[in-house]
Amino acid sequence: MTSSQESGVVPAAADRATRVPDSSLAPTVDLAARAEPAAPGAPVPDIERTGAALGDRRSQSIQATVLTVLAVLYTLYFAREFLIPIVFALLLNFLLSPVIRKLRRFHVRPPLGAAFVVLALVTAIGGAVYELAGPAQRWAATAPESFSHAQGKLRSIIRPVQQVTKNVEQAADAVGGPSAKSPAVVVEGPSVSSRLFGTTQRIVAGLVEVFILLYFLLAGGDLFLQKLIKVLPHFSDKLKAVEIARATEAAVSAYLSTALLVNVAEGGVVAAVLWLLGMPNPLLWGALVVLLELVPYVGAATMVVVLGVAALATFDQLGRALLVPASFLAINLLQANLVTPLLLGHRLTLNPVAIFIGLAFFFWIWGVPGAFVAVPLLATLKIFCDHIGALAAIGEFLGQRDEEERRLTARVSG
């Protein structure tokens, strides 16, 4: 009896330990197996220490932070068509909210004031586009001929590079031996007009969305701030929320208005200088300066190239042609290193590293529209961080270095 029980129990236990599961997805587990070191002398795994590390609050906080950052990046990328008009509307709301409050002092209600401000903005943009459409169309019509003329002047500079490239290709063909060239396959895409028409449709739809959302934001006034104050439990938190909101809005409005005025002034100066130098369509180039100066570094570099090509196509003398981009570059350096720091001050200026990284990030996430809103968003983030104690370190890293920091660094280094 005992032998039969033993003979029946042991095989059953062994069978349960090595039984193949019914489902092909379930793993085969040997319940009698024991964890052994991978090699003689290797440390034995400490299960309790591993469990304690996984349950540590700091480890969980780091994991949650990493997952949150990844989720935000993916959301910003995949929701860019939804978020870009909202960002533009919010920035314009920061810029124009003081105007609505000033109109309210003259007993103009926010809905009526918002309608007046939005209508004036649409009229100004439409008038500028209408005035510049003719020169832009004429320049676009003559652009191929102008580029061909400029290329002829630059051929003497490009010819040595072309000769070197040709020699390298001949040497590569001699090493590789003659080979039959495969027929080229040309894939025809949509025409230029269809691409332009589709792009124009998207731009117009985005502008309509921006203006409609801007009207509701301006007409609502302090609606969201009032809702935030209502849900906050403590009176001290309510006061702090109002203080932060007012200070952030005032600082962002001051930054955006100052930057816009500086760009408009630079565009006017560039247009006047180009008119004196004899460049055709100076207003078109001035407006292009105002637009491209919203993108730091890249906009100025693009403007130098465009003005250089246009000047080479316009003037026969090389020195006179190079004077056009050189004049713009001198004006841009004066504006960037003297005028803007003088008007904005240290508190509202960003360091070049933060600007470059922010520009690259938003261009990667949102493309060309992201490049235009990168600096205003960074400035908004810096201003917001400067008014919150927990985020003051981020605002400090985004800002410029003042003279006190230079002297302290020199003393520590010495």
Protein backbone atom coordinates (compact mmCIF):
# COMPACT_ATOMS: atom_id res chain seq x y z
CA MET A 1 0.00 0.00 0.00
CA THR A 2 2.76 2.38 0.95
CA SER A 3 4.86 1.48 -2.04
CA SER A 4 1.88 1.93 -4.36
CA GLN A 5 1.15 5.35 -2.82
CA GLU A 6 4.76 6.38 -3.16
CA SER A 7 4.89 5.07 -6.70
CA GLY A 8 1.71 7.02 -7.49
CA VAL A 9 2.54 10.33 -5.74
CA VAL A 10 6.07 10.92 -6.92
CA PRO A 11 5.35 10.54 -10.64
CA ALA A 12 2.27 12.73 -10.26
CA ALA A 13 4.32 15.49 -8.60
CA ALA A 14 7.01 15.21 -11.22
CA ASP A 15 4.37 15.25 -13.91
CA ARG A 16 2.82 18.43 -12.44
CA ALA A 17 6.26 20.06 -12.22
CA THR A 18 7.15 19.49 -15.89
CA ARG A 19 3.67 19.38 -17.42
CA VAL A 20 3.32 21.21 -20.75
CA PRO A 21 0.54 23.83 -20.45
CA ASP A 22 -2.61 23.56 -22.49
CA SER A 23 -2.19 27.04 -23.97
CA SER A 24 0.70 27.62 -26.34
CA LEU A 25 1.09 31.15 -24.91
CA ALA A 26 1.58 30.05 -21.28
CA PRO A 27 5.19 29.35 -20.25
CA THR A 28 6.38 25.98 -18.93
CA VAL A 29 7.37 26.40 -15.27
CA ASP A 30 9.35 23.87 -13.26
CA LEU A 31 8.16 24.30 -9.67
CA ALA A 32 11.01 22.19 -8.31
CA ALA A 33 13.72 24.29 -9.97
CA ARG A 34 16.02 26.51 -7.88
CA ALA A 35 17.88 29.64 -8.86
CA GLU A 36 21.59 29.01 -9.23
CA PRO A 37 24.44 31.47 -9.91
CA ALA A 38 25.32 31.94 -13.57
CA ALA A 39 28.96 31.05 -12.92
CA PRO A 40 31.00 29.73 -9.99
CA GLY A 41 31.70 32.59 -7.59
CA ALA A 42 29.02 34.86 -9.07
CA PRO A 43 26.88 36.81 -6.55
CA VAL A 44 23.58 35.25 -5.63
CA PRO A 45 20.55 37.32 -6.71
CA ASP A 46 18.98 39.15 -3.80
CA ILE A 47 15.24 39.05 -4.45
CA GLU A 48 14.35 41.13 -1.40
CA ARG A 49 16.77 43.90 -2.33
CA THR A 50 15.45 43.94 -5.89
CA GLY A 51 11.88 44.20 -4.67
CA ALA A 52 12.82 47.02 -2.31
CA ALA A 53 14.51 48.91 -5.15
CA LEU A 54 11.48 48.53 -7.39
CA GLY A 55 9.21 49.71 -4.60
CA ASP A 56 11.33 52.76 -3.77
CA ARG A 57 9.42 56.02 -4.16
CA ARG A 58 12.37 57.76 -5.79
CA SER A 59 12.66 55.02 -8.42
CA GLN A 60 8.94 55.16 -9.09
CA SER A 61 9.11 58.96 -9.35
CA ILE A 62 11.91 58.77 -11.93
CA GLN A 63 10.02 56.18 -13.95
CA ALA A 64 6.85 58.27 -13.86
CA THR A 65 8.80 61.37 -14.94
CA VAL A 66 10.39 59.59 -17.89
CA LEU A 67 7.05 58.18 -19.03
CA THR A 68 5.40 61.59 -18.65
CA VAL A 69 8.09 63.31 -20.74
CA LEU A 70 7.76 60.69 -23.48
CA ALA A 71 3.98 61.00 -23.45
CA VAL A 72 4.23 64.80 -23.76
CA LEU A 73 6.66 64.53 -26.70
CA TYR A 74 4.46 62.07 -28.55
CA THR A 75 1.38 64.21 -27.87
CA LEU A 76 3.09 67.37 -29.13
CA TYR A 77 4.18 65.61 -32.30
CA PHE A 78 1.01 63.76 -33.26
CA ALA A 79 -1.35 66.57 -32.19
CA ARG A 80 0.60 69.35 -33.93
CA GLU A 81 -2.21 70.25 -36.36
CA PHE A 82 -4.53 70.70 -33.39
CA LEU A 83 -2.07 72.47 -31.07
CA ILE A 84 -0.36 74.97 -33.42
CA PRO A 85 -3.44 77.22 -33.95
CA ILE A 86 -4.11 77.14 -30.20
CA VAL A 87 -0.54 78.21 -29.42
CA PHE A 88 -0.72 81.09 -31.92
CA ALA A 89 -4.06 82.20 -30.47
CA LEU A 90 -2.74 82.08 -26.89
CA LEU A 91 0.34 84.13 -27.79
CA LEU A 92 -1.81 86.73 -29.56
CA ASN A 93 -4.11 86.74 -26.53
CA PHE A 94 -1.15 87.60 -24.29
CA LEU A 95 -0.19 90.37 -26.70
CA LEU A 96 -3.64 91.94 -27.08
CA SER A 97 -5.20 91.45 -23.63
CA PRO A 98 -3.86 94.82 -22.34
CA VAL A 99 -5.63 96.52 -25.25
CA ILE A 100 -8.95 94.94 -24.20
CA ARG A 101 -8.47 96.16 -20.62
CA LYS A 102 -7.70 99.69 -21.81
CA LEU A 103 -10.84 99.69 -23.94
CA ARG A 104 -12.80 98.52 -20.91
CA ARG A 105 -11.78 101.70 -19.09
CA PHE A 106 -13.71 103.59 -21.77
CA HIS A 107 -16.78 101.42 -21.01
CA VAL A 108 -16.25 99.15 -24.02
CA ARG A 109 -17.35 95.64 -23.11
CA PRO A 110 -14.88 92.79 -23.82
CA PRO A 111 -16.96 91.12 -26.58
CA LEU A 112 -17.21 94.39 -28.49
CA GLY A 113 -13.58 95.27 -27.82
CA ALA A 114 -12.45 91.80 -28.91
CA ALA A 115 -14.42 92.12 -32.15
CA PHE A 116 -12.84 95.52 -32.82
CA VAL A 117 -9.29 94.27 -32.09
CA VAL A 118 -9.63 91.07 -34.15
CA LEU A 119 -11.20 92.98 -37.05
CA ALA A 120 -8.37 95.53 -36.95
CA LEU A 121 -5.79 92.71 -36.89
CA VAL A 122 -7.40 90.91 -39.85
CA THR A 123 -7.62 94.20 -41.77
CA ALA A 124 -3.96 95.01 -41.13
CA ILE A 125 -2.77 91.56 -42.20
CA GLY A 126 -5.05 91.54 -45.25
CA GLY A 127 -3.95 95.03 -46.28
CA ALA A 128 -0.28 94.12 -45.96
CA VAL A 129 -0.75 90.95 -48.00
CA TYR A 130 -2.68 92.88 -50.67
CA GLU A 131 -0.03 95.60 -50.93
CA LEU A 132 2.83 93.13 -51.12
CA ALA A 133 1.11 90.60 -53.40
CA GLY A 134 1.94 92.58 -56.56
CA PRO A 135 5.70 92.98 -55.91
CA ALA A 136 5.93 89.38 -54.68
CA GLN A 137 4.19 88.10 -57.82
CA ARG A 138 6.42 90.15 -60.11
CA TRP A 139 9.52 88.96 -58.30
CA ALA A 140 8.35 85.34 -58.45
CA ALA A 141 7.71 85.69 -62.19
CA THR A 142 11.24 86.97 -62.82
CA ALA A 143 12.91 84.73 -60.24
CA PRO A 144 14.07 81.98 -62.67
CA GLU A 145 15.70 84.53 -64.97
CA SER A 146 17.22 86.34 -61.98
CA PHE A 147 18.63 83.12 -60.56
CA SER A 148 20.10 82.22 -63.94
CA HIS A 149 21.72 85.66 -64.17
CA ALA A 150 23.13 85.32 -60.65
CA GLN A 151 24.41 81.82 -61.39
CA GLY A 152 26.29 83.18 -64.39
CA LYS A 153 28.10 85.64 -62.14
CA LEU A 154 28.91 82.96 -59.60
CA ARG A 155 30.08 80.49 -62.21
CA SER A 156 33.67 81.65 -61.89
CA ILE A 157 33.56 80.72 -58.20
CA ILE A 158 31.68 77.45 -58.66
CA ARG A 159 33.77 76.24 -61.64
CA PRO A 160 36.76 75.00 -59.57
CA VAL A 161 34.47 72.99 -57.31
CA GLN A 162 32.68 71.50 -60.31
CA GLN A 163 36.02 70.57 -61.89
CA VAL A 164 37.13 68.78 -58.72
CA THR A 165 33.83 66.89 -58.57
CA LYS A 166 34.17 65.88 -62.21
CA ASN A 167 37.71 64.60 -61.66
CA VAL A 168 36.58 62.55 -58.67
CA GLU A 169 33.74 61.00 -60.69
CA GLN A 170 36.10 60.13 -63.55
CA ALA A 171 38.53 58.51 -61.12
CA ALA A 172 35.71 56.49 -59.56
CA ASP A 173 34.54 55.31 -62.99
CA ALA A 174 38.11 54.30 -63.91
CA VAL A 175 38.50 52.25 -60.71
CA GLY A 176 35.09 50.63 -60.94
CA GLY A 177 35.25 49.97 -64.67
CA PRO A 178 32.56 50.69 -67.25
CA SER A 179 29.09 49.72 -66.22
CA ALA A 180 25.78 49.98 -67.95
CA LYS A 181 23.64 52.71 -66.53
CA SER A 182 20.22 51.62 -65.39
CA PRO A 183 17.31 53.59 -66.80
CA ALA A 184 16.15 56.35 -64.52
CA VAL A 185 12.62 56.19 -63.25
CA VAL A 186 10.92 59.54 -62.81
CA VAL A 187 7.93 59.66 -60.48
CA GLU A 188 5.70 62.60 -61.24
CA GLY A 189 4.12 64.17 -58.21
CA PRO A 190 1.42 66.79 -57.95
CA SER A 191 1.99 70.02 -59.82
CA VAL A 192 3.31 73.16 -58.21
CA SER A 193 -0.06 74.87 -58.50
CA SER A 194 -1.87 72.01 -56.78
CA ARG A 195 0.67 71.95 -53.98
CA LEU A 196 0.42 75.73 -53.59
CA PHE A 197 -3.38 75.58 -53.64
CA GLY A 198 -3.44 72.86 -51.02
CA THR A 199 -0.96 74.72 -48.84
CA THR A 200 -2.96 77.92 -49.21
CA GLN A 201 -6.11 76.11 -48.13
CA ARG A 202 -4.42 74.81 -45.00
CA ILE A 203 -2.95 78.21 -44.19
CA VAL A 204 -6.31 79.95 -44.60
CA ALA A 205 -8.08 77.31 -42.51
CA GLY A 206 -5.44 77.64 -39.78
CA LEU A 207 -5.71 81.46 -39.78
CA VAL A 208 -9.50 81.28 -39.53
CA GLU A 209 -9.19 78.94 -36.54
CA VAL A 210 -6.63 81.23 -34.90
CA PHE A 211 -8.78 84.35 -35.30
CA ILE A 212 -11.96 82.65 -34.06
CA LEU A 213 -10.21 81.24 -30.99
CA LEU A 214 -8.50 84.58 -30.39
CA TYR A 215 -11.86 86.35 -30.38
CA PHE A 216 -13.30 83.98 -27.79
CA LEU A 217 -10.19 84.28 -25.61
CA LEU A 218 -10.28 88.08 -25.73
CA ALA A 219 -14.05 88.25 -25.28
CA GLY A 220 -13.90 85.88 -22.31
CA GLY A 221 -11.41 88.13 -20.55
CA ASP A 222 -10.51 86.72 -17.14
CA LEU A 223 -12.93 83.80 -17.36
CA PHE A 224 -10.37 81.05 -16.84
CA LEU A 225 -8.57 82.99 -14.14
CA GLN A 226 -11.86 83.44 -12.28
CA LYS A 227 -12.59 79.72 -12.59
CA LEU A 228 -9.12 78.92 -11.23
CA ILE A 229 -9.61 81.25 -8.28
CA LYS A 230 -12.98 79.67 -7.57
CA VAL A 231 -11.64 76.11 -7.37
CA LEU A 232 -8.58 76.95 -5.24
CA PRO A 233 -9.32 76.13 -1.58
CA HIS A 234 -7.10 78.64 0.29
CA PHE A 235 -7.17 82.41 0.11
CA SER A 236 -3.38 82.64 -0.05
CA ASP A 237 -3.39 80.36 -3.11
CA LYS A 238 -5.99 82.59 -4.76
CA LEU A 239 -3.82 85.67 -4.23
CA LYS A 240 -0.74 83.88 -5.54
CA ALA A 241 -2.59 82.66 -8.63
CA VAL A 242 -3.77 86.20 -9.44
CA GLU A 243 -0.28 87.59 -8.90
CA ILE A 244 1.38 84.98 -11.11
CA ALA A 245 -1.25 85.33 -13.85
CA ARG A 246 -1.03 89.13 -13.97
CA ALA A 247 2.76 89.23 -13.84
CA THR A 248 3.14 86.53 -16.50
CA GLU A 249 0.62 88.14 -18.82
CA ALA A 250 2.18 91.60 -18.44
CA ALA A 251 5.72 90.30 -18.99
CA VAL A 252 4.79 88.16 -21.99
CA SER A 253 2.82 91.03 -23.52
CA ALA A 254 5.77 93.38 -23.01
CA TYR A 255 8.16 90.87 -24.56
CA LEU A 256 6.01 90.12 -27.61
CA SER A 257 5.14 93.76 -28.28
CA THR A 258 8.76 94.88 -27.89
CA ALA A 259 10.08 92.10 -30.14
CA LEU A 260 7.44 92.87 -32.77
CA LEU A 261 8.22 96.60 -32.72
CA VAL A 262 11.95 95.89 -32.98
CA ASN A 263 11.38 93.62 -36.00
CA VAL A 264 9.14 96.20 -37.68
CA ALA A 265 11.71 98.92 -37.06
CA GLU A 266 14.50 96.72 -38.43
CA GLY A 267 12.42 95.93 -41.50
CA GLY A 268 11.80 99.64 -42.08
CA VAL A 269 15.51 100.47 -41.76
CA VAL A 270 16.48 97.63 -44.09
CA ALA A 271 13.88 98.76 -46.65
CA ALA A 272 15.21 102.34 -46.52
CA VAL A 273 18.83 101.21 -46.92
CA LEU A 274 17.96 98.91 -49.83
CA TRP A 275 16.05 101.77 -51.47
CA LEU A 276 19.14 103.96 -51.17
CA LEU A 277 21.27 101.19 -52.67
CA GLY A 278 18.90 100.93 -55.64
CA MET A 279 17.34 97.53 -54.91
CA PRO A 280 13.90 97.04 -56.48
CA ASN A 281 10.89 96.25 -54.26
CA PRO A 282 12.41 97.47 -50.96
CA LEU A 283 9.08 97.14 -49.11
CA LEU A 284 8.92 93.46 -50.02
CA TRP A 285 12.40 92.85 -48.59
CA GLY A 286 11.53 94.85 -45.47
CA ALA A 287 8.39 92.76 -44.89
CA LEU A 288 10.41 89.60 -45.41
CA VAL A 289 12.87 90.81 -42.77
CA VAL A 290 10.02 91.36 -40.28
CA LEU A 291 8.74 87.84 -40.93
CA LEU A 292 12.06 85.99 -40.89
CA GLU A 293 13.39 87.83 -37.85
CA LEU A 294 10.81 85.92 -35.81
CA VAL A 295 13.11 82.91 -36.31
CA PRO A 296 16.48 83.78 -34.71
CA TYR A 297 19.76 82.96 -36.45
CA VAL A 298 18.13 80.87 -39.19
CA GLY A 299 15.97 83.77 -40.36
CA ALA A 300 18.91 86.17 -40.56
CA ALA A 301 21.05 83.60 -42.41
CA THR A 302 18.23 82.93 -44.87
CA MET A 303 17.78 86.66 -45.45
CA VAL A 304 21.50 87.12 -46.18
CA VAL A 305 21.36 84.38 -48.84
CA VAL A 306 18.14 85.71 -50.42
CA LEU A 307 19.40 89.29 -50.54
CA GLY A 308 22.75 88.13 -51.92
CA VAL A 309 21.14 86.22 -54.80
CA ALA A 310 18.69 89.06 -55.53
CA ALA A 311 21.49 91.63 -55.52
CA LEU A 312 23.67 89.54 -57.82
CA ALA A 313 20.74 89.30 -60.23
CA THR A 314 20.14 93.06 -60.06
CA PHE A 315 23.57 94.70 -60.17
CA ASP A 316 26.39 94.07 -62.60
CA GLN A 317 29.16 95.06 -60.21
CA LEU A 318 30.05 92.36 -57.69
CA GLY A 319 31.07 94.85 -54.98
CA ARG A 320 27.77 96.72 -55.19
CA ALA A 321 25.85 93.46 -55.11
CA LEU A 322 27.67 92.24 -51.99
CA LEU A 323 26.98 95.58 -50.30
CA VAL A 324 23.28 94.65 -50.05
CA PRO A 325 23.58 91.53 -47.80
CA ALA A 326 26.46 93.19 -45.92
CA SER A 327 24.22 96.16 -45.06
CA PHE A 328 21.49 93.87 -43.77
CA LEU A 329 24.01 91.87 -41.74
CA ALA A 330 25.35 95.04 -40.12
CA ILE A 331 21.85 96.22 -39.22
CA ASN A 332 20.95 92.79 -37.83
CA LEU A 333 24.07 92.62 -35.66
CA LEU A 334 23.35 96.10 -34.30
CA GLN A 335 19.78 95.13 -33.50
CA ALA A 336 20.66 91.81 -31.89
CA ASN A 337 23.57 93.01 -29.76
CA LEU A 338 22.54 96.54 -28.81
CA VAL A 339 18.89 97.43 -29.42
CA THR A 340 17.15 94.26 -28.22
CA PRO A 341 19.17 93.82 -24.97
CA LEU A 342 18.70 97.54 -24.23
CA LEU A 343 14.92 97.39 -24.62
CA LEU A 344 14.21 93.99 -23.11
CA GLY A 345 16.86 93.97 -20.40
CA HIS A 346 18.43 90.95 -18.73
CA ARG A 347 15.20 89.58 -17.26
CA LEU A 348 13.51 88.95 -20.61
CA THR A 349 16.52 87.86 -22.68
CA LEU A 350 17.38 84.24 -23.42
CA ASN A 351 20.83 82.74 -23.77
CA PRO A 352 21.87 81.59 -27.27
CA VAL A 353 22.18 77.92 -26.27
CA ALA A 354 18.58 77.81 -25.00
CA ILE A 355 17.37 79.61 -28.14
CA PHE A 356 19.17 77.20 -30.47
CA ILE A 357 18.00 74.08 -28.63
CA GLY A 358 14.43 75.39 -28.39
CA LEU A 359 14.44 76.33 -32.08
CA ALA A 360 15.71 72.89 -33.10
CA PHE A 361 13.21 71.16 -30.80
CA PHE A 362 10.10 73.00 -31.96
CA PHE A 363 11.18 72.78 -35.61
CA TRP A 364 11.55 69.01 -35.15
CA ILE A 365 8.16 68.75 -33.46
CA TRP A 366 6.06 71.25 -35.46
CA GLY A 367 8.08 72.14 -38.55
CA VAL A 368 8.16 75.74 -39.87
CA PRO A 369 5.32 77.00 -37.61
CA GLY A 370 7.22 75.63 -34.63
CA ALA A 371 10.28 77.66 -35.62
CA PHE A 372 8.18 80.85 -35.54
CA VAL A 373 6.74 80.20 -32.08
CA ALA A 374 9.89 78.72 -30.50
CA VAL A 375 11.31 81.95 -29.04
CA PRO A 376 7.94 83.32 -27.77
CA LEU A 377 7.24 79.98 -26.10
CA LEU A 378 10.70 79.91 -24.50
CA ALA A 379 10.26 83.48 -23.29
CA THR A 380 6.84 82.59 -21.90
CA LEU A 381 8.31 79.55 -20.14
CA LYS A 382 11.12 81.65 -18.65
CA ILE A 383 8.71 84.32 -17.39
CA PHE A 384 6.42 81.68 -15.93
CA CYS A 385 9.33 79.95 -14.19
CA ASP A 386 10.66 83.25 -12.78
CA HIS A 387 7.40 83.76 -10.88
CA ILE A 388 7.22 80.25 -9.39
CA GLY A 389 9.76 79.34 -6.74
CA ALA A 390 9.89 75.63 -7.58
CA LEU A 391 10.70 76.40 -11.24
CA ALA A 392 13.09 79.31 -10.67
CA ALA A 393 16.13 77.16 -11.51
CA ILE A 394 14.77 76.45 -15.01
CA GLY A 395 14.18 80.15 -15.61
CA GLU A 396 17.72 80.91 -14.46
CA PHE A 397 19.21 78.43 -16.93
CA LEU A 398 17.16 79.92 -19.78
CA GLY A 399 18.30 83.49 -19.07
CA GLN A 400 21.44 85.39 -19.98
CA ARG A 401 24.45 85.66 -17.67
CA ASP A 402 24.83 89.06 -16.00
CA GLU A 403 27.97 90.86 -14.91
CA GLU A 404 27.70 89.65 -11.29
CA GLU A 405 27.85 86.05 -12.50
CA ARG A 406 30.87 86.87 -14.66
CA ARG A 407 32.73 88.40 -11.71
CA LEU A 408 31.82 85.48 -9.44
CA THR A 409 33.02 82.95 -12.04
CA ALA A 410 36.28 84.88 -12.44
CA ARG A 411 36.89 84.91 -8.66
CA VAL A 412 36.17 81.17 -8.32
CA SER A 413 38.37 80.33 -11.32
CA GLY A 414 41.20 82.52 -9.96
